[in-house]
C-alpha atoms as a PDB file:
ATOM      1  CA  UNK A   1       8.483 -33.025  22.888  1.00  0.00           C
ATOM      2  CA  UNK A   2       7.283 -33.502  26.459  1.00  0.00           C
ATOM      3  CA  UNK A   3       7.956 -30.873  29.081  1.00  0.00           C
ATOM      4  CA  UNK A   4      10.786 -31.482  31.550  1.00  0.00           C
ATOM      5  CA  UNK A   5      10.157 -32.030  35.248  1.00  0.00           C
ATOM      6  CA  UNK A   6       8.080 -29.436  37.087  1.00  0.00           C
ATOM      7  CA  UNK A   7      11.042 -28.144  39.083  1.00  0.00           C
ATOM      8  CA  UNK A   8      12.889 -27.098  35.918  1.00  0.00           C
ATOM      9  CA  UNK A   9      10.017 -25.393  34.119  1.00  0.00           C
ATOM     10  CA  UNK A  10      10.518 -21.712  33.274  1.00  0.00           C
ATOM     11  CA  UNK A  11       8.114 -19.375  35.045  1.00  0.00           C
ATOM     12  CA  UNK A  12       5.684 -17.704  32.646  1.00  0.00           C
ATOM     13  CA  UNK A  13       4.116 -14.363  33.553  1.00  0.00           C
ATOM     14  CA  UNK A  14       0.765 -13.920  31.844  1.00  0.00           C
ATOM     15  CA  UNK A  15       0.367 -10.155  32.150  1.00  0.00           C
ATOM     16  CA  UNK A  16      -3.063  -8.608  31.586  1.00  0.00           C
ATOM     17  CA  UNK A  17      -2.888  -4.814  31.212  1.00  0.00           C
ATOM     18  CA  UNK A  18      -6.365  -3.350  31.514  1.00  0.00           C
ATOM     19  CA  UNK A  19      -8.329  -0.128  31.649  1.00  0.00           C
ATOM     20  CA  UNK A  20     -12.099   0.125  32.285  1.00  0.00           C
ATOM     21  CA  UNK A  21     -12.894  -3.385  31.055  1.00  0.00           C
ATOM     22  CA  UNK A  22     -14.654  -4.787  34.094  1.00  0.00           C
ATOM     23  CA  UNK A  23     -17.110  -6.536  31.801  1.00  0.00           C
ATOM     24  CA  UNK A  24     -14.369  -8.360  29.875  1.00  0.00           C
ATOM     25  CA  UNK A  25     -11.270  -8.758  32.017  1.00  0.00           C
ATOM     26  CA  UNK A  26     -12.777 -11.664  33.934  1.00  0.00           C
ATOM     27  CA  UNK A  27     -12.795 -13.799  30.787  1.00  0.00           C
ATOM     28  CA  UNK A  28      -9.122 -13.036  30.159  1.00  0.00           C
ATOM     29  CA  UNK A  29      -8.189 -13.876  33.763  1.00  0.00           C
ATOM     30  CA  UNK A  30     -10.226 -17.068  33.715  1.00  0.00           C
ATOM     31  CA  UNK A  31      -8.563 -18.266  30.524  1.00  0.00           C
ATOM     32  CA  UNK A  32      -5.095 -17.497  31.942  1.00  0.00           C
ATOM     33  CA  UNK A  33      -5.763 -19.358  35.203  1.00  0.00           C
ATOM     34  CA  UNK A  34      -7.154 -22.346  33.263  1.00  0.00           C
ATOM     35  CA  UNK A  35      -3.826 -23.039  31.527  1.00  0.00           C
ATOM     36  CA  UNK A  36      -2.520 -26.612  31.656  1.00  0.00           C
ATOM     37  CA  UNK A  37       1.009 -25.247  32.112  1.00  0.00           C
ATOM     38  CA  UNK A  38       1.801 -25.335  35.855  1.00  0.00           C
ATOM     39  CA  UNK A  39       4.606 -22.796  36.314  1.00  0.00           C
ATOM     40  CA  UNK A  40       2.860 -19.493  35.808  1.00  0.00           C
ATOM     41  CA  UNK A  41       1.698 -16.319  37.457  1.00  0.00           C
ATOM     42  CA  UNK A  42      -1.163 -14.143  36.268  1.00  0.00           C
ATOM     43  CA  UNK A  43      -0.513 -10.435  36.752  1.00  0.00           C
ATOM     44  CA  UNK A  44      -3.318  -7.919  36.201  1.00  0.00           C
ATOM     45  CA  UNK A  45      -2.123  -4.310  35.974  1.00  0.00           C
ATOM     46  CA  UNK A  46      -5.005  -1.850  36.124  1.00  0.00           C
ATOM     47  CA  UNK A  47      -4.280   1.468  34.434  1.00  0.00           C
ATOM     48  CA  UNK A  48      -6.256   3.607  36.908  1.00  0.00           C
ATOM     49  CA  UNK A  49      -9.671   2.301  35.900  1.00  0.00           C
ATOM     50  CA  UNK A  50     -12.799   4.066  37.122  1.00  0.00           C
ATOM     51  CA  UNK A  51     -15.102   1.030  36.851  1.00  0.00           C
ATOM     52  CA  UNK A  52     -15.359  -2.202  38.837  1.00  0.00           C
ATOM     53  CA  UNK A  53     -12.177  -3.826  37.542  1.00  0.00           C
ATOM     54  CA  UNK A  54     -10.711  -4.304  41.035  1.00  0.00           C
ATOM     55  CA  UNK A  55     -13.858  -6.079  42.215  1.00  0.00           C
ATOM     56  CA  UNK A  56     -13.770  -8.444  39.234  1.00  0.00           C
ATOM     57  CA  UNK A  57     -10.157  -9.375  39.954  1.00  0.00           C
ATOM     58  CA  UNK A  58     -10.918  -9.855  43.667  1.00  0.00           C
ATOM     59  CA  UNK A  59     -13.621 -12.394  42.771  1.00  0.00           C
ATOM     60  CA  UNK A  60     -10.898 -14.855  41.733  1.00  0.00           C
ATOM     61  CA  UNK A  61      -9.397 -16.801  44.608  1.00  0.00           C
ATOM     62  CA  UNK A  62      -6.130 -18.118  43.225  1.00  0.00           C
ATOM     63  CA  UNK A  63      -2.647 -17.649  44.750  1.00  0.00           C
ATOM     64  CA  UNK A  64      -1.137 -17.380  41.257  1.00  0.00           C
ATOM     65  CA  UNK A  65      -3.062 -14.157  40.617  1.00  0.00           C
ATOM     66  CA  UNK A  66      -1.563 -10.745  41.454  1.00  0.00           C
ATOM     67  CA  UNK A  67      -3.264  -7.369  41.079  1.00  0.00           C
ATOM     68  CA  UNK A  68      -1.540  -3.992  40.801  1.00  0.00           C
ATOM     69  CA  UNK A  69      -3.336  -0.688  40.250  1.00  0.00           C
ATOM     70  CA  UNK A  70      -1.448   2.234  38.735  1.00  0.00           C
ATOM     71  CA  UNK A  71      -2.142   5.492  40.616  1.00  0.00           C
ATOM     72  CA  UNK A  72      -2.417   7.265  37.258  1.00  0.00           C
ATOM     73  CA  UNK A  73      -3.029   6.196  33.685  1.00  0.00           C
ATOM     74  CA  UNK A  74       0.271   5.459  31.938  1.00  0.00           C
ATOM     75  CA  UNK A  75      -1.160   5.068  28.462  1.00  0.00           C
ATOM     76  CA  UNK A  76      -1.493   1.783  26.605  1.00  0.00           C
ATOM     77  CA  UNK A  77       2.191   1.058  26.095  1.00  0.00           C
ATOM     78  CA  UNK A  78       3.252   2.669  29.325  1.00  0.00           C
ATOM     79  CA  UNK A  79       1.123   0.025  31.014  1.00  0.00           C
ATOM     80  CA  UNK A  80       2.706  -2.683  28.855  1.00  0.00           C
ATOM     81  CA  UNK A  81       6.089  -1.549  30.181  1.00  0.00           C
ATOM     82  CA  UNK A  82       4.756  -1.552  33.733  1.00  0.00           C
ATOM     83  CA  UNK A  83       3.651  -5.167  33.264  1.00  0.00           C
ATOM     84  CA  UNK A  84       7.126  -6.186  32.095  1.00  0.00           C
ATOM     85  CA  UNK A  85       8.705  -4.343  35.019  1.00  0.00           C
ATOM     86  CA  UNK A  86       6.488  -6.141  37.557  1.00  0.00           C
ATOM     87  CA  UNK A  87       6.567  -9.601  35.963  1.00  0.00           C
ATOM     88  CA  UNK A  88       8.575 -12.269  37.787  1.00  0.00           C
ATOM     89  CA  UNK A  89       8.769 -14.774  34.963  1.00  0.00           C
ATOM     90  CA  UNK A  90      11.542 -15.529  32.517  1.00  0.00           C
ATOM     91  CA  UNK A  91       8.900 -15.668  29.782  1.00  0.00           C
ATOM     92  CA  UNK A  92       6.432 -12.796  29.451  1.00  0.00           C
ATOM     93  CA  UNK A  93       3.042 -12.962  27.735  1.00  0.00           C
ATOM     94  CA  UNK A  94       1.060  -9.711  27.364  1.00  0.00           C
ATOM     95  CA  UNK A  95      -2.559 -10.873  27.049  1.00  0.00           C
ATOM     96  CA  UNK A  96      -5.043  -8.113  26.245  1.00  0.00           C
ATOM     97  CA  UNK A  97      -7.844  -7.807  28.781  1.00  0.00           C
ATOM     98  CA  UNK A  98     -10.570  -8.372  26.182  1.00  0.00           C
ATOM     99  CA  UNK A  99      -8.961 -11.497  24.672  1.00  0.00           C
ATOM    100  CA  UNK A 100      -8.678 -15.125  25.780  1.00  0.00           C
ATOM    101  CA  UNK A 101      -6.443 -18.144  25.239  1.00  0.00           C
ATOM    102  CA  UNK A 102      -7.347 -21.846  25.188  1.00  0.00           C
ATOM    103  CA  UNK A 103      -6.058 -24.056  28.041  1.00  0.00           C
ATOM    104  CA  UNK A 104      -3.137 -25.519  26.080  1.00  0.00           C
ATOM    105  CA  UNK A 105      -1.821 -22.173  24.822  1.00  0.00           C
ATOM    106  CA  UNK A 106       1.025 -21.593  27.293  1.00  0.00           C
ATOM    107  CA  UNK A 107       2.150 -25.218  27.369  1.00  0.00           C
ATOM    108  CA  UNK A 108       2.257 -25.400  23.572  1.00  0.00           C
ATOM    109  CA  UNK A 109       4.372 -22.248  23.287  1.00  0.00           C
ATOM    110  CA  UNK A 110       6.735 -23.205  26.119  1.00  0.00           C
ATOM    111  CA  UNK A 111       7.260 -26.672  24.600  1.00  0.00           C
ATOM    112  CA  UNK A 112       8.238 -24.953  21.383  1.00  0.00           C
ATOM    113  CA  UNK A 113      10.673 -22.624  23.123  1.00  0.00           C
ATOM    114  CA  UNK A 114      12.289 -25.513  24.977  1.00  0.00           C
ATOM    115  CA  UNK A 115      12.668 -27.438  21.719  1.00  0.00           C
ATOM    116  CA  UNK A 116      14.017 -24.374  19.900  1.00  0.00           C
ATOM    117  CA  UNK A 117      16.115 -22.442  22.440  1.00  0.00           C
ATOM    118  CA  UNK A 118      17.432 -20.079  19.767  1.00  0.00           C
ATOM    119  CA  UNK A 119      13.943 -18.561  19.469  1.00  0.00           C
ATOM    120  CA  UNK A 120      13.497 -15.219  21.247  1.00  0.00           C
ATOM    121  CA  UNK A 121       9.789 -14.706  20.685  1.00  0.00           C
ATOM    122  CA  UNK A 122       6.755 -16.762  19.718  1.00  0.00           C
ATOM    123  CA  UNK A 123       3.375 -15.747  18.342  1.00  0.00           C
ATOM    124  CA  UNK A 124       0.336 -17.687  17.196  1.00  0.00           C
ATOM    125  CA  UNK A 125      -2.606 -17.400  14.822  1.00  0.00           C
ATOM    126  CA  UNK A 126      -5.557 -15.334  16.024  1.00  0.00           C
ATOM    127  CA  UNK A 127      -9.272 -15.950  15.627  1.00  0.00           C
ATOM    128  CA  UNK A 128     -12.278 -13.772  16.391  1.00  0.00           C
ATOM    129  CA  UNK A 129     -14.114 -14.746  19.579  1.00  0.00           C
ATOM    130  CA  UNK A 130     -17.337 -16.458  18.671  1.00  0.00           C
ATOM    131  CA  UNK A 131     -16.294 -16.817  15.044  1.00  0.00           C
ATOM    132  CA  UNK A 132     -15.817 -20.045  13.157  1.00  0.00           C
ATOM    133  CA  UNK A 133     -12.151 -20.953  13.103  1.00  0.00           C
ATOM    134  CA  UNK A 134     -11.211 -23.291  10.310  1.00  0.00           C
ATOM    135  CA  UNK A 135      -8.091 -25.469  10.470  1.00  0.00           C
ATOM    136  CA  UNK A 136      -6.318 -23.170   8.041  1.00  0.00           C
ATOM    137  CA  UNK A 137      -6.574 -20.249  10.486  1.00  0.00           C
ATOM    138  CA  UNK A 138      -5.596 -22.088  13.674  1.00  0.00           C
ATOM    139  CA  UNK A 139      -3.615 -25.252  13.005  1.00  0.00           C
ATOM    140  CA  UNK A 140      -0.990 -23.708  10.801  1.00  0.00           C
ATOM    141  CA  UNK A 141       2.489 -25.130  10.461  1.00  0.00           C
ATOM    142  CA  UNK A 142       5.149 -23.905  12.844  1.00  0.00           C
ATOM    143  CA  UNK A 143       7.505 -21.428  11.170  1.00  0.00           C
ATOM    144  CA  UNK A 144      10.859 -20.311  12.525  1.00  0.00           C
ATOM    145  CA  UNK A 145      12.212 -17.062  11.102  1.00  0.00           C
ATOM    146  CA  UNK A 146      15.972 -16.688  11.653  1.00  0.00           C
ATOM    147  CA  UNK A 147      17.089 -13.067  11.766  1.00  0.00           C
ATOM    148  CA  UNK A 148      16.297 -10.985   9.833  1.00  0.00           C
ATOM    149  CA  UNK A 149      13.700 -13.140   8.019  1.00  0.00           C
ATOM    150  CA  UNK A 150      11.076 -12.424  10.671  1.00  0.00           C
ATOM    151  CA  UNK A 151      11.679  -8.709  10.125  1.00  0.00           C
ATOM    152  CA  UNK A 152      11.086  -9.197   6.399  1.00  0.00           C
ATOM    153  CA  UNK A 153       7.969 -11.308   6.990  1.00  0.00           C
ATOM    154  CA  UNK A 154       6.393  -8.793   9.385  1.00  0.00           C
ATOM    155  CA  UNK A 155       6.864  -6.101   6.750  1.00  0.00           C
ATOM    156  CA  UNK A 156       5.452  -8.274   3.949  1.00  0.00           C
ATOM    157  CA  UNK A 157       2.543 -10.048   5.619  1.00  0.00           C
ATOM    158  CA  UNK A 158      -0.367  -8.022   6.960  1.00  0.00           C
ATOM    159  CA  UNK A 159      -1.115  -8.799  10.599  1.00  0.00           C
ATOM    160  CA  UNK A 160       1.425 -11.607  10.839  1.00  0.00           C
ATOM    161  CA  UNK A 161       2.018 -10.988  14.560  1.00  0.00           C
ATOM    162  CA  UNK A 162      -1.046 -10.775  16.785  1.00  0.00           C
ATOM    163  CA  UNK A 163       0.062  -8.791  19.835  1.00  0.00           C
ATOM    164  CA  UNK A 164      -1.935 -10.698  22.520  1.00  0.00           C
ATOM    165  CA  UNK A 165      -0.421 -13.991  21.332  1.00  0.00           C
ATOM    166  CA  UNK A 166       3.221 -12.954  21.772  1.00  0.00           C
ATOM    167  CA  UNK A 167       5.518 -14.558  24.363  1.00  0.00           C
ATOM    168  CA  UNK A 168       8.974 -12.986  24.729  1.00  0.00           C
ATOM    169  CA  UNK A 169      12.000 -14.013  26.779  1.00  0.00           C
ATOM    170  CA  UNK A 170      12.702 -11.453  29.483  1.00  0.00           C
ATOM    171  CA  UNK A 171      16.305 -10.930  28.385  1.00  0.00           C
ATOM    172  CA  UNK A 172      15.065 -10.037  24.905  1.00  0.00           C
ATOM    173  CA  UNK A 173      12.949  -7.207  26.305  1.00  0.00           C
ATOM    174  CA  UNK A 174      16.006  -6.097  28.293  1.00  0.00           C
ATOM    175  CA  UNK A 175      18.101  -6.035  25.120  1.00  0.00           C
ATOM    176  CA  UNK A 176      15.466  -4.412  22.869  1.00  0.00           C
ATOM    177  CA  UNK A 177      14.316  -1.879  25.441  1.00  0.00           C
ATOM    178  CA  UNK A 178      10.766  -0.980  26.533  1.00  0.00           C
ATOM    179  CA  UNK A 179       7.868  -0.277  24.220  1.00  0.00           C
ATOM    180  CA  UNK A 180       8.344   3.176  22.754  1.00  0.00           C
ATOM    181  CA  UNK A 181       5.900   5.788  24.044  1.00  0.00           C
ATOM    182  CA  UNK A 182       6.286   7.792  20.820  1.00  0.00           C
ATOM    183  CA  UNK A 183       3.705   5.646  19.037  1.00  0.00           C
ATOM    184  CA  UNK A 184       0.461   5.455  21.069  1.00  0.00           C
ATOM    185  CA  UNK A 185      -1.164   3.110  18.555  1.00  0.00           C
ATOM    186  CA  UNK A 186       1.509   1.074  16.771  1.00  0.00           C
ATOM    187  CA  UNK A 187       4.350   0.751  19.264  1.00  0.00           C
ATOM    188  CA  UNK A 188       3.908  -3.020  19.305  1.00  0.00           C
ATOM    189  CA  UNK A 189       4.644  -3.148  15.549  1.00  0.00           C
ATOM    190  CA  UNK A 190       7.858  -1.229  16.113  1.00  0.00           C
ATOM    191  CA  UNK A 191       8.830  -3.521  18.996  1.00  0.00           C
ATOM    192  CA  UNK A 192       8.312  -6.724  16.968  1.00  0.00           C
ATOM    193  CA  UNK A 193      10.331  -5.265  14.098  1.00  0.00           C
ATOM    194  CA  UNK A 194      13.170  -4.356  16.472  1.00  0.00           C
ATOM    195  CA  UNK A 195      13.215  -7.830  18.014  1.00  0.00           C
ATOM    196  CA  UNK A 196      12.894  -9.793  14.767  1.00  0.00           C
ATOM    197  CA  UNK A 197      15.654  -7.911  12.989  1.00  0.00           C
ATOM    198  CA  UNK A 198      18.272  -9.329  15.362  1.00  0.00           C
ATOM    199  CA  UNK A 199      16.611 -12.456  16.838  1.00  0.00           C
ATOM    200  CA  UNK A 200      14.895 -15.625  15.683  1.00  0.00           C
ATOM    201  CA  UNK A 201      11.117 -15.456  16.082  1.00  0.00           C
ATOM    202  CA  UNK A 202       8.546 -18.160  15.459  1.00  0.00           C
ATOM    203  CA  UNK A 203       4.929 -18.734  14.574  1.00  0.00           C
ATOM    204  CA  UNK A 204       3.570 -21.560  16.740  1.00  0.00           C
ATOM    205  CA  UNK A 205       0.733 -23.032  14.745  1.00  0.00           C
ATOM    206  CA  UNK A 206      -0.750 -25.544  17.171  1.00  0.00           C
ATOM    207  CA  UNK A 207      -2.740 -23.059  19.260  1.00  0.00           C
ATOM    208  CA  UNK A 208      -4.261 -19.588  18.965  1.00  0.00           C
ATOM    209  CA  UNK A 209      -5.446 -16.469  20.731  1.00  0.00           C
ATOM    210  CA  UNK A 210      -9.130 -15.503  20.577  1.00  0.00           C
ATOM    211  CA  UNK A 211      -9.524 -11.760  20.197  1.00  0.00           C
ATOM    212  CA  UNK A 212     -12.635  -9.673  20.654  1.00  0.00           C
ATOM    213  CA  UNK A 213     -13.710  -7.220  17.970  1.00  0.00           C
ATOM    214  CA  UNK A 214     -15.731  -4.131  18.781  1.00  0.00           C
ATOM    215  CA  UNK A 215     -15.916  -0.392  19.154  1.00  0.00           C
ATOM    216  CA  UNK A 216     -14.276  -0.648  22.605  1.00  0.00           C
ATOM    217  CA  UNK A 217     -10.860  -1.474  21.145  1.00  0.00           C
ATOM    218  CA  UNK A 218      -7.885   0.812  20.614  1.00  0.00           C
ATOM    219  CA  UNK A 219      -7.774  -0.412  17.020  1.00  0.00           C
ATOM    220  CA  UNK A 220     -11.275   0.909  16.428  1.00  0.00           C
ATOM    221  CA  UNK A 221     -10.597   4.220  18.151  1.00  0.00           C
ATOM    222  CA  UNK A 222      -7.370   4.926  16.265  1.00  0.00           C
ATOM    223  CA  UNK A 223      -8.165   3.428  12.844  1.00  0.00           C
ATOM    224  CA  UNK A 224     -11.914   3.935  12.490  1.00  0.00           C
ATOM    225  CA  UNK A 225     -12.780   6.990  14.593  1.00  0.00           C
ATOM    226  CA  UNK A 226      -9.597   8.955  13.973  1.00  0.00           C
ATOM    227  CA  UNK A 227      -6.583   8.864  11.640  1.00  0.00           C
ATOM    228  CA  UNK A 228      -3.991   8.841  14.418  1.00  0.00           C
ATOM    229  CA  UNK A 229      -3.158   5.180  13.985  1.00  0.00           C
ATOM    230  CA  UNK A 230      -2.199   5.791  10.366  1.00  0.00           C
ATOM    231  CA  UNK A 231       0.043   8.707  11.314  1.00  0.00           C
ATOM    232  CA  UNK A 232       1.714   6.466  13.903  1.00  0.00           C
ATOM    233  CA  UNK A 233       2.452   3.780  11.337  1.00  0.00           C
ATOM    234  CA  UNK A 234       3.905   6.287   8.855  1.00  0.00           C
ATOM    235  CA  UNK A 235       6.340   7.511  11.505  1.00  0.00           C
ATOM    236  CA  UNK A 236       7.339   3.957  12.416  1.00  0.00           C
ATOM    237  CA  UNK A 237       8.048   3.032   8.796  1.00  0.00           C
ATOM    238  CA  UNK A 238      10.185   6.157   8.403  1.00  0.00           C
ATOM    239  CA  UNK A 239      12.074   5.379  11.620  1.00  0.00           C
ATOM    240  CA  UNK A 240      12.708   1.764  10.653  1.00  0.00           C
ATOM    241  CA  UNK A 241      14.076   2.859   7.283  1.00  0.00           C
ATOM    242  CA  UNK A 242      16.321   5.395   8.975  1.00  0.00           C
ATOM    243  CA  UNK A 243      17.631   2.819  11.426  1.00  0.00           C
ATOM    244  CA  UNK A 244      18.516   0.429   8.606  1.00  0.00           C
ATOM    245  CA  UNK A 245      21.030   2.938   7.260  1.00  0.00           C
ATOM    246  CA  UNK A 246      23.313   1.348   4.686  1.00  0.00           C
ATOM    247  CA  UNK A 247      21.403  -1.956   5.020  1.00  0.00           C
ATOM    248  CA  UNK A 248      18.246  -0.435   3.575  1.00  0.00           C
ATOM    249  CA  UNK A 249      18.939  -1.630   0.020  1.00  0.00           C
ATOM    250  CA  UNK A 250      18.775  -5.303   1.001  1.00  0.00           C
ATOM    251  CA  UNK A 251      15.289  -4.783   2.478  1.00  0.00           C
ATOM    252  CA  UNK A 252      13.891  -2.559  -0.281  1.00  0.00           C
ATOM    253  CA  UNK A 253      11.366  -5.078  -1.717  1.00  0.00           C
ATOM    254  CA  UNK A 254       9.960  -5.823   1.748  1.00  0.00           C
ATOM    255  CA  UNK A 255       9.812  -2.145   2.673  1.00  0.00           C
ATOM    256  CA  UNK A 256       8.113  -1.266  -0.611  1.00  0.00           C
ATOM    257  CA  UNK A 257       5.488  -3.957   0.034  1.00  0.00           C
ATOM    258  CA  UNK A 258       4.777  -2.588   3.507  1.00  0.00           C
ATOM    259  CA  UNK A 259       4.690   1.042   2.378  1.00  0.00           C
ATOM    260  CA  UNK A 260       2.481   0.381  -0.653  1.00  0.00           C
ATOM    261  CA  UNK A 261      -0.011  -1.515   1.514  1.00  0.00           C
ATOM    262  CA  UNK A 262       0.029   1.345   4.012  1.00  0.00           C
ATOM    263  CA  UNK A 263      -0.685   3.987   1.350  1.00  0.00           C
ATOM    264  CA  UNK A 264      -3.577   1.924  -0.019  1.00  0.00           C
ATOM    265  CA  UNK A 265      -4.938   1.484   3.524  1.00  0.00           C
ATOM    266  CA  UNK A 266      -4.923   5.265   4.008  1.00  0.00           C
ATOM    267  CA  UNK A 267      -6.839   5.824   0.785  1.00  0.00           C
ATOM    268  CA  UNK A 268      -9.284   3.040   1.642  1.00  0.00           C
ATOM    269  CA  UNK A 269      -9.967   4.599   5.043  1.00  0.00           C
ATOM    270  CA  UNK A 270     -10.418   7.992   3.426  1.00  0.00           C
ATOM    271  CA  UNK A 271     -13.205   6.575   1.249  1.00  0.00           C
ATOM    272  CA  UNK A 272     -14.950   4.226   3.676  1.00  0.00           C
ATOM    273  CA  UNK A 273     -14.516   5.741   7.164  1.00  0.00           C
ATOM    274  CA  UNK A 274     -15.162   9.441   6.666  1.00  0.00           C
ATOM    275  CA  UNK A 275     -18.499   9.174   8.428  1.00  0.00           C
ATOM    276  CA  UNK A 276     -16.852   7.772  11.540  1.00  0.00           C
ATOM    277  CA  UNK A 277     -13.860  10.110  11.490  1.00  0.00           C
ATOM    278  CA  UNK A 278     -15.989  13.134  12.241  1.00  0.00           C
ATOM    279  CA  UNK A 279     -14.072  16.377  12.454  1.00  0.00           C
ATOM    280  CA  UNK A 280     -11.126  15.028  10.470  1.00  0.00           C
ATOM    281  CA  UNK A 281     -10.050  17.002   7.437  1.00  0.00           C
ATOM    282  CA  UNK A 282      -9.825  14.542   4.504  1.00  0.00           C
ATOM    283  CA  UNK A 283      -6.593  16.218   3.453  1.00  0.00           C
ATOM    284  CA  UNK A 284      -4.970  14.947   6.670  1.00  0.00           C
ATOM    285  CA  UNK A 285      -5.222  11.294   5.648  1.00  0.00           C
ATOM    286  CA  UNK A 286      -4.141  12.199   2.135  1.00  0.00           C
ATOM    287  CA  UNK A 287      -1.115  13.902   3.665  1.00  0.00           C
ATOM    288  CA  UNK A 288      -0.288  10.812   5.734  1.00  0.00           C
ATOM    289  CA  UNK A 289      -0.537   8.705   2.572  1.00  0.00           C
ATOM    290  CA  UNK A 290       1.829  11.161   0.867  1.00  0.00           C
ATOM    291  CA  UNK A 291       4.315  10.732   3.737  1.00  0.00           C
ATOM    292  CA  UNK A 292       4.230   6.992   3.173  1.00  0.00           C
ATOM    293  CA  UNK A 293       4.524   7.369  -0.591  1.00  0.00           C
ATOM    294  CA  UNK A 294       7.746   9.360  -0.156  1.00  0.00           C
ATOM    295  CA  UNK A 295       9.326   6.304   1.518  1.00  0.00           C
ATOM    296  CA  UNK A 296       9.010   4.142  -1.605  1.00  0.00           C
ATOM    297  CA  UNK A 297      12.238   3.281  -3.404  1.00  0.00           C
ATOM    298  CA  UNK A 298      11.564   2.037  -6.963  1.00  0.00           C
ATOM    299  CA  UNK A 299      14.032  -0.552  -8.215  1.00  0.00           C
ATOM    300  CA  UNK A 300      12.434  -1.304 -11.575  1.00  0.00           C
ATOM    301  CA  UNK A 301      10.398   0.391 -14.272  1.00  0.00           C
ATOM    302  CA  UNK A 302       7.209  -1.271 -13.002  1.00  0.00           C
ATOM    303  CA  UNK A 303       8.006   0.044  -9.514  1.00  0.00           C
ATOM    304  CA  UNK A 304       8.302   3.564 -10.887  1.00  0.00           C
ATOM    305  CA  UNK A 305       4.971   3.222 -12.702  1.00  0.00           C
ATOM    306  CA  UNK A 306       3.336   1.938  -9.534  1.00  0.00           C
ATOM    307  CA  UNK A 307       4.739   4.809  -7.498  1.00  0.00           C
ATOM    308  CA  UNK A 308       3.505   7.333 -10.070  1.00  0.00           C
ATOM    309  CA  UNK A 309       0.050   5.753 -10.023  1.00  0.00           C
ATOM    310  CA  UNK A 310      -0.111   5.958  -6.245  1.00  0.00           C
ATOM    311  CA  UNK A 311       0.809   9.636  -6.359  1.00  0.00           C
ATOM    312  CA  UNK A 312      -2.034  10.320  -8.792  1.00  0.00           C
ATOM    313  CA  UNK A 313      -4.406   8.428  -6.498  1.00  0.00           C
ATOM    314  CA  UNK A 314      -3.245  10.453  -3.484  1.00  0.00           C
ATOM    315  CA  UNK A 315      -3.556  13.819  -5.246  1.00  0.00           C
ATOM    316  CA  UNK A 316      -7.046  12.971  -6.511  1.00  0.00           C
ATOM    317  CA  UNK A 317      -8.225  11.384  -3.242  1.00  0.00           C
ATOM    318  CA  UNK A 318      -9.942  14.485  -1.756  1.00  0.00           C
ATOM    319  CA  UNK A 319     -12.115  14.597  -4.881  1.00  0.00           C
ATOM    320  CA  UNK A 320     -13.104  10.962  -5.398  1.00  0.00           C
ATOM    321  CA  UNK A 321     -13.436  10.237  -1.678  1.00  0.00           C
ATOM    322  CA  UNK A 322     -16.110  12.981  -1.486  1.00  0.00           C
ATOM    323  CA  UNK A 323     -18.307  11.365  -4.155  1.00  0.00           C
ATOM    324  CA  UNK A 324     -21.626  10.453  -2.473  1.00  0.00           C
ATOM    325  CA  UNK A 325     -21.885   6.717  -1.911  1.00  0.00           C
ATOM    326  CA  UNK A 326     -18.252   5.928  -2.815  1.00  0.00           C
ATOM    327  CA  UNK A 327     -17.631   4.225   0.519  1.00  0.00           C
ATOM    328  CA  UNK A 328     -20.761   2.085   0.246  1.00  0.00           C
ATOM    329  CA  UNK A 329     -19.820   1.133  -3.296  1.00  0.00           C
ATOM    330  CA  UNK A 330     -16.325   0.000  -2.270  1.00  0.00           C
ATOM    331  CA  UNK A 331     -17.723  -2.017   0.627  1.00  0.00           C
ATOM    332  CA  UNK A 332     -20.379  -3.575  -1.608  1.00  0.00           C
ATOM    333  CA  UNK A 333     -17.725  -4.646  -4.099  1.00  0.00           C
ATOM    334  CA  UNK A 334     -15.997  -6.369  -1.189  1.00  0.00           C
ATOM    335  CA  UNK A 335     -19.204  -8.058  -0.125  1.00  0.00           C
ATOM    336  CA  UNK A 336     -19.460  -6.036   3.102  1.00  0.00           C
ATOM    337  CA  UNK A 337     -22.674  -4.536   4.426  1.00  0.00           C
ATOM    338  CA  UNK A 338     -20.897  -1.719   6.210  1.00  0.00           C
ATOM    339  CA  UNK A 339     -17.825  -0.600   8.080  1.00  0.00           C
ATOM    340  CA  UNK A 340     -17.379  -2.684  11.190  1.00  0.00           C
ATOM    341  CA  UNK A 341     -14.720  -3.905  13.544  1.00  0.00           C
END
C-alpha cells in the first residue's frame, strides 16, 4: 500500500533517550534523520550526561531535530517517560542511542499501521550491528497478534519484541500508562505485556533495527555484571500472574513456558557468569530461581515431574555451579569461546 498524501501523514516522533553515549548517539541521530518518511521529528533527551553528548547533537543542522537535557538523571525508564511526555507525534518510536535503523524503517512501519488501523503497536526483527543478517532474521513475514495472542507470544517466544524497534500509538501509551519505575531493567517487558493483553500488536517483517552489543549496555550491566535484571523479571512475572486473576488458568501453558525459561536462565547465569558477577552471593541467584519456580502451575503429570526436576536443580545449584571449569564446559558445549555480549 502506498502512503497517502503528505498533508495527511501522521507525525512520527523518533525519540532517542541517551546518557553518556557521545561516541554512539550520532549514529542513532543520523539514521533517524535519514528516514525516507517525511513527517517526523527526532527528539534527543539527554539524561544529564557528563560527556560531550550535547556537542554531538549540536553538530547536526536539521530543523526536525530537537534536544532536551534533563537537569538530573531520571533513570532509564524515567527518561523513556520523559521522551513520551515531550514527543509531539501521534506515533512514538523509542530508539536506543546506541542502535540504528535503515532508511525505510519508519515508512515501512507507518504503511503497515495505515493498512491495519486496529494495530496499536508494531515491532520488527533485530540484527547485531556489523553482523551478517540472513533473510530469515530480517525479512520475516508480517504477523498480527489480536489480543491477547500477542501477550501469549511474548511470554512464549524469547526476545520476540526488540525494544528499540517498537512504535506505539500515543493514545495507547495514554491508556496503558507510563513505563513502571519499579523495574529498572525489565520495565519494557512489562509494558509490552500490558499493551498486548488488550490490544492488537504486530511484527513488521520487512525492515529491522540494528542493535549494538557490548559491555556499555544496560543488558550487560544487569544480566552479566549483576543479578538485578533477573530479580526484576521474577517480580514482573509474579505481578503479571497476579493481575490476570481468574483469567490465569487460560494462560497457564504460556506462563509455564516463560517461567521455566526464566528459571533455566538463572541457573545458566549462575554457572557461566560468576566471574563477572563479583561480590554476588551465588545463593542470591538460586533464590531468584526459586521465586520463579514457585510461579509454575503444573497441569499434567509431566509438568509435575518437570517442576520437581527444576527444584532439584535449584537446590543443588550452589554446589555444581562452584565446580571449577563448569562455566567453560557449558560454553564449550554450546560452541562458545567465552561469555560475551
